[in-house]
């Protein structure tokens, strides 16, 4: 599916993922339909069911991997670094609109 940055400046955010579960803190633009992001520095775990992931429970998102998710999926996601990581991970995300 083709996509492009939302109208105007692209809203981007950086999220530090440590030993406590976190979610994207900034509300996404109402016109956005997709969120593209990459996982930097360390692997992380993710859940979408409203439950916080732990360092040992959740879907593994490997460092160095890029993803494009529906905005609702990205909004529901909670992240934590994997239990074997010795340093924080960073997620860098930008909003997009499918057309």
N, C-alpha and C. Protein backbone atom coordinates (compact mmCIF):
# COMPACT_ATOMS: atom_id res chain seq x y z
N UNK A 1 0.84 -1.17 0.00
CA UNK A 1 0.00 0.00 0.00
C UNK A 1 0.89 1.24 0.00
N UNK A 2 0.57 2.19 -0.86
CA UNK A 2 1.36 3.41 -0.91
C UNK A 2 1.05 4.29 0.29
N UNK A 3 2.03 5.03 0.74
CA UNK A 3 1.81 5.94 1.86
C UNK A 3 2.70 7.16 1.69
N UNK A 4 2.35 8.19 2.43
CA UNK A 4 3.13 9.42 2.40
C UNK A 4 3.01 10.08 3.76
N UNK A 5 3.87 11.03 4.01
CA UNK A 5 3.79 11.78 5.26
C UNK A 5 2.47 12.54 5.30
N UNK A 6 1.95 12.74 6.51
CA UNK A 6 0.72 13.51 6.65
C UNK A 6 0.94 14.92 6.16
N UNK A 7 -0.12 15.63 5.88
CA UNK A 7 0.01 17.00 5.40
C UNK A 7 0.77 17.85 6.41
N UNK A 8 1.57 18.75 5.92
CA UNK A 8 2.38 19.59 6.80
C UNK A 8 3.60 18.82 7.29
N UNK A 9 4.13 19.29 8.39
CA UNK A 9 5.33 18.66 8.96
C UNK A 9 4.99 17.25 9.46
N UNK A 10 5.93 16.34 9.28
CA UNK A 10 5.74 14.97 9.75
C UNK A 10 5.95 14.94 11.26
N UNK A 11 4.97 14.41 11.97
CA UNK A 11 5.08 14.28 13.42
C UNK A 11 5.92 13.06 13.73
N UNK A 12 7.02 13.24 14.40
CA UNK A 12 7.89 12.14 14.77
C UNK A 12 8.13 12.18 16.26
N UNK A 13 8.40 11.02 16.81
CA UNK A 13 8.71 10.97 18.23
C UNK A 13 9.70 9.87 18.51
N UNK A 14 10.48 10.09 19.55
CA UNK A 14 11.46 9.13 20.01
C UNK A 14 10.99 8.62 21.36
N UNK A 15 10.99 7.31 21.54
CA UNK A 15 10.51 6.70 22.77
C UNK A 15 11.62 5.84 23.36
N UNK A 16 12.04 6.16 24.58
CA UNK A 16 13.05 5.35 25.27
C UNK A 16 12.35 4.17 25.94
N UNK A 17 12.84 2.96 25.67
CA UNK A 17 12.24 1.75 26.21
C UNK A 17 13.21 1.16 27.22
N UNK A 18 12.79 1.13 28.47
CA UNK A 18 13.65 0.67 29.56
C UNK A 18 12.99 -0.52 30.27
N UNK A 19 13.12 -0.58 31.59
CA UNK A 19 12.64 -1.73 32.36
C UNK A 19 11.21 -1.58 32.86
N UNK A 20 10.54 -0.48 32.52
CA UNK A 20 9.12 -0.29 32.82
C UNK A 20 8.39 -0.14 31.50
N UNK A 21 7.20 -0.71 31.40
CA UNK A 21 6.44 -0.65 30.15
C UNK A 21 6.08 0.80 29.81
N UNK A 22 6.21 1.14 28.52
CA UNK A 22 5.88 2.48 28.03
C UNK A 22 5.06 2.36 26.75
N UNK A 23 4.38 3.45 26.42
CA UNK A 23 3.61 3.53 25.19
C UNK A 23 3.95 4.85 24.51
N UNK A 24 3.54 4.99 23.26
CA UNK A 24 3.75 6.26 22.58
C UNK A 24 3.01 7.33 23.38
N UNK A 25 3.71 8.38 23.78
CA UNK A 25 3.13 9.38 24.66
C UNK A 25 2.42 10.51 23.97
N UNK A 26 2.72 10.74 22.72
CA UNK A 26 2.12 11.84 21.99
C UNK A 26 0.97 11.31 21.14
N UNK A 27 -0.16 11.97 21.22
CA UNK A 27 -1.30 11.56 20.40
C UNK A 27 -0.94 11.72 18.92
N UNK A 28 -1.34 10.76 18.12
CA UNK A 28 -1.06 10.83 16.70
C UNK A 28 -2.06 11.76 16.01
N UNK A 29 -1.62 12.38 14.92
CA UNK A 29 -2.45 13.28 14.14
C UNK A 29 -3.73 12.57 13.69
N UNK A 30 -4.85 13.27 13.74
CA UNK A 30 -6.14 12.69 13.37
C UNK A 30 -6.15 12.22 11.92
N UNK A 31 -5.36 12.84 11.05
CA UNK A 31 -5.31 12.47 9.65
C UNK A 31 -4.40 11.29 9.36
N UNK A 32 -3.58 10.90 10.31
CA UNK A 32 -2.66 9.78 10.12
C UNK A 32 -3.42 8.46 10.14
N UNK A 33 -2.97 7.53 9.33
CA UNK A 33 -3.56 6.19 9.34
C UNK A 33 -2.52 5.12 9.65
N UNK A 34 -1.26 5.46 9.49
CA UNK A 34 -0.17 4.51 9.71
C UNK A 34 0.92 5.14 10.58
N UNK A 35 1.66 4.30 11.28
CA UNK A 35 2.83 4.74 12.02
C UNK A 35 3.98 3.84 11.60
N UNK A 36 5.04 4.45 11.10
CA UNK A 36 6.22 3.69 10.74
C UNK A 36 7.29 3.96 11.78
N UNK A 37 7.99 2.91 12.21
CA UNK A 37 8.99 3.09 13.26
C UNK A 37 10.07 2.04 13.15
N UNK A 38 11.18 2.32 13.79
CA UNK A 38 12.26 1.33 13.87
C UNK A 38 12.70 1.19 15.33
N UNK A 39 13.19 -0.01 15.63
CA UNK A 39 13.68 -0.33 16.97
C UNK A 39 15.20 -0.22 16.93
N UNK A 40 15.75 0.61 17.81
CA UNK A 40 17.19 0.86 17.82
C UNK A 40 17.82 0.36 19.11
N UNK A 41 19.03 -0.09 19.03
CA UNK A 41 19.92 -0.40 20.15
C UNK A 41 19.72 -1.76 20.80
N UNK A 42 18.51 -2.17 21.18
CA UNK A 42 18.26 -3.46 21.83
C UNK A 42 16.89 -3.99 21.44
N UNK A 43 16.74 -5.31 21.53
CA UNK A 43 15.44 -5.91 21.28
C UNK A 43 14.44 -5.46 22.35
N UNK A 44 13.17 -5.42 21.97
CA UNK A 44 12.12 -5.07 22.92
C UNK A 44 11.00 -6.10 22.84
N UNK A 45 10.10 -6.06 23.81
CA UNK A 45 8.88 -6.87 23.78
C UNK A 45 7.69 -5.93 23.71
N UNK A 46 6.59 -6.44 23.13
CA UNK A 46 5.42 -5.61 22.90
C UNK A 46 4.15 -6.42 23.15
N UNK A 47 3.11 -5.73 23.66
CA UNK A 47 1.76 -6.30 23.78
C UNK A 47 0.77 -5.24 23.33
N UNK A 48 -0.39 -5.72 22.84
CA UNK A 48 -1.46 -4.83 22.39
C UNK A 48 -2.77 -5.05 23.14
N UNK A 49 -2.79 -5.93 24.10
CA UNK A 49 -4.05 -6.34 24.75
C UNK A 49 -4.37 -5.56 26.02
N UNK A 50 -3.67 -4.46 26.27
CA UNK A 50 -3.91 -3.66 27.46
C UNK A 50 -3.09 -4.08 28.66
N UNK A 51 -2.42 -5.22 28.56
CA UNK A 51 -1.56 -5.71 29.63
C UNK A 51 -0.12 -5.28 29.36
N UNK A 52 0.59 -4.87 30.39
CA UNK A 52 1.99 -4.49 30.21
C UNK A 52 2.83 -5.71 29.87
N UNK A 53 3.71 -5.60 28.88
CA UNK A 53 4.66 -6.68 28.64
C UNK A 53 5.68 -6.70 29.78
N UNK A 54 6.40 -7.79 29.89
CA UNK A 54 7.52 -7.87 30.83
C UNK A 54 8.78 -8.14 30.03
N UNK A 55 9.91 -8.14 30.69
CA UNK A 55 11.16 -8.43 30.01
C UNK A 55 11.21 -9.82 29.41
N UNK A 56 10.29 -10.71 29.87
CA UNK A 56 10.28 -12.08 29.40
C UNK A 56 8.99 -12.48 28.69
N UNK A 57 7.97 -11.61 28.69
CA UNK A 57 6.67 -11.96 28.10
C UNK A 57 6.21 -10.85 27.16
N UNK A 58 5.88 -11.24 25.95
CA UNK A 58 5.42 -10.32 24.92
C UNK A 58 6.06 -10.67 23.60
N UNK A 59 5.56 -10.09 22.54
CA UNK A 59 6.13 -10.32 21.21
C UNK A 59 7.49 -9.63 21.13
N UNK A 60 8.49 -10.33 20.61
CA UNK A 60 9.83 -9.75 20.48
C UNK A 60 9.90 -8.95 19.18
N UNK A 61 10.35 -7.71 19.31
CA UNK A 61 10.63 -6.86 18.16
C UNK A 61 12.14 -6.62 18.15
N UNK A 62 12.86 -7.26 17.23
CA UNK A 62 14.32 -7.17 17.23
C UNK A 62 14.85 -5.78 16.89
N UNK A 63 15.96 -5.42 17.50
CA UNK A 63 16.65 -4.18 17.17
C UNK A 63 17.08 -4.23 15.71
N UNK A 64 17.05 -3.08 15.06
CA UNK A 64 17.46 -3.00 13.67
C UNK A 64 16.34 -3.33 12.70
N UNK A 65 15.12 -3.48 13.22
CA UNK A 65 13.98 -3.83 12.38
C UNK A 65 13.03 -2.64 12.29
N UNK A 66 12.46 -2.45 11.10
CA UNK A 66 11.49 -1.37 10.88
C UNK A 66 10.10 -1.98 10.68
N UNK A 67 9.09 -1.24 11.12
CA UNK A 67 7.72 -1.70 11.06
C UNK A 67 6.82 -0.57 10.57
N UNK A 68 5.70 -0.92 9.95
CA UNK A 68 4.64 0.03 9.65
C UNK A 68 3.36 -0.61 10.14
N UNK A 69 2.74 0.06 11.12
CA UNK A 69 1.51 -0.44 11.73
C UNK A 69 0.37 0.53 11.50
N UNK A 70 -0.83 0.00 11.54
CA UNK A 70 -2.03 0.82 11.59
C UNK A 70 -1.96 1.69 12.84
N UNK A 71 -2.47 2.92 12.76
CA UNK A 71 -2.40 3.83 13.90
C UNK A 71 -3.04 3.24 15.15
N UNK A 72 -4.14 2.52 15.01
CA UNK A 72 -4.80 1.92 16.18
C UNK A 72 -3.90 0.89 16.85
N UNK A 73 -3.18 0.11 16.07
CA UNK A 73 -2.25 -0.88 16.63
C UNK A 73 -1.12 -0.19 17.36
N UNK A 74 -0.57 0.87 16.77
CA UNK A 74 0.53 1.60 17.41
C UNK A 74 0.06 2.27 18.69
N UNK A 75 -1.16 2.80 18.68
CA UNK A 75 -1.70 3.46 19.86
C UNK A 75 -1.92 2.48 21.01
N UNK A 76 -2.31 1.25 20.70
CA UNK A 76 -2.58 0.23 21.72
C UNK A 76 -1.30 -0.42 22.26
N UNK A 77 -0.19 -0.27 21.56
CA UNK A 77 1.04 -0.98 21.90
C UNK A 77 1.70 -0.46 23.18
N UNK A 78 2.22 -1.41 23.96
CA UNK A 78 3.07 -1.10 25.11
C UNK A 78 4.37 -1.87 24.92
N UNK A 79 5.48 -1.24 25.30
CA UNK A 79 6.81 -1.79 25.03
C UNK A 79 7.65 -1.86 26.30
N UNK A 80 8.58 -2.81 26.33
CA UNK A 80 9.58 -2.91 27.39
C UNK A 80 10.82 -3.56 26.78
N UNK A 81 11.99 -3.25 27.31
CA UNK A 81 13.19 -3.91 26.75
C UNK A 81 13.23 -5.35 27.25
N UNK A 82 13.87 -6.22 26.48
CA UNK A 82 13.95 -7.63 26.87
C UNK A 82 14.82 -7.78 28.11
N UNK A 83 14.59 -8.85 28.83
CA UNK A 83 15.25 -9.04 30.13
C UNK A 83 16.77 -9.19 30.00
N UNK A 84 17.27 -9.61 28.85
CA UNK A 84 18.71 -9.80 28.70
C UNK A 84 19.45 -8.54 28.28
N UNK A 85 18.71 -7.46 27.98
CA UNK A 85 19.35 -6.21 27.55
C UNK A 85 19.98 -5.51 28.75
N UNK A 86 21.14 -4.94 28.53
CA UNK A 86 21.82 -4.20 29.60
C UNK A 86 21.72 -2.69 29.42
N UNK A 87 21.09 -2.27 28.33
CA UNK A 87 20.91 -0.83 28.07
C UNK A 87 19.55 -0.61 27.44
N UNK A 88 19.06 0.63 27.52
CA UNK A 88 17.76 0.97 26.97
C UNK A 88 17.74 0.84 25.45
N UNK A 89 16.55 0.66 24.92
CA UNK A 89 16.31 0.69 23.48
C UNK A 89 15.62 2.01 23.15
N UNK A 90 15.61 2.36 21.89
CA UNK A 90 14.91 3.56 21.43
C UNK A 90 14.02 3.16 20.26
N UNK A 91 12.79 3.67 20.27
CA UNK A 91 11.90 3.53 19.12
C UNK A 91 11.76 4.91 18.52
N UNK A 92 11.99 5.03 17.21
CA UNK A 92 11.78 6.31 16.54
C UNK A 92 10.64 6.12 15.55
N UNK A 93 9.57 6.90 15.73
CA UNK A 93 8.35 6.71 14.96
C UNK A 93 7.95 7.98 14.20
N UNK A 94 7.36 7.79 13.03
CA UNK A 94 6.80 8.89 12.23
C UNK A 94 5.43 8.45 11.71
N UNK A 95 4.54 9.43 11.61
CA UNK A 95 3.18 9.15 11.14
C UNK A 95 3.11 9.23 9.62
N UNK A 96 2.20 8.45 9.06
CA UNK A 96 2.00 8.42 7.62
C UNK A 96 0.50 8.34 7.32
N UNK A 97 0.14 8.58 6.08
CA UNK A 97 -1.23 8.44 5.63
C UNK A 97 -1.23 7.54 4.40
N UNK A 98 -2.03 6.48 4.44
CA UNK A 98 -2.15 5.58 3.28
C UNK A 98 -3.08 6.19 2.25
N UNK A 99 -2.81 5.95 0.98
CA UNK A 99 -3.73 6.41 -0.06
C UNK A 99 -3.72 5.42 -1.20
